[in-house]
């Protein structure tokens, strides 16, 4: 997908760029920590993340995927993702609808979707922290 809405003629320096996907501030209503790309109905919109640990070239185990949806405001939360297909090594690990963010800071679960890949109690306890 395009890296941001800055590819559109009416935008030039919009701060909602793809680097915000991993800027460490997922739970926010601040557009300075959000990403927004043009939506083309009927087209796939993709994000690719490399999950290799660069320090030792190992691929970490994936126990959970948390998707933080677009949460600028109640009115703008409709800009977020509705259907998500997540692949790992080109194999589908999730294909379904995710919740729309609330548009306010009511708690992390109101702005994200959690997809678990384990029921191991010790791992779930670490995730809760």
Foldseek 3Di string as FASTA:
>chain_A
DDQACCVDPVHPPQQQGNVLVPPPCLQDLDSNSHHHHDDDPPDDDDDDDDQQDVVVRHRDDDFKDKAFWNQNAQVCLVRTFFWDFDDDPNHTPDTGGDDGARNDRPDRVNGIDMDGDDPPPVVVVVVVD
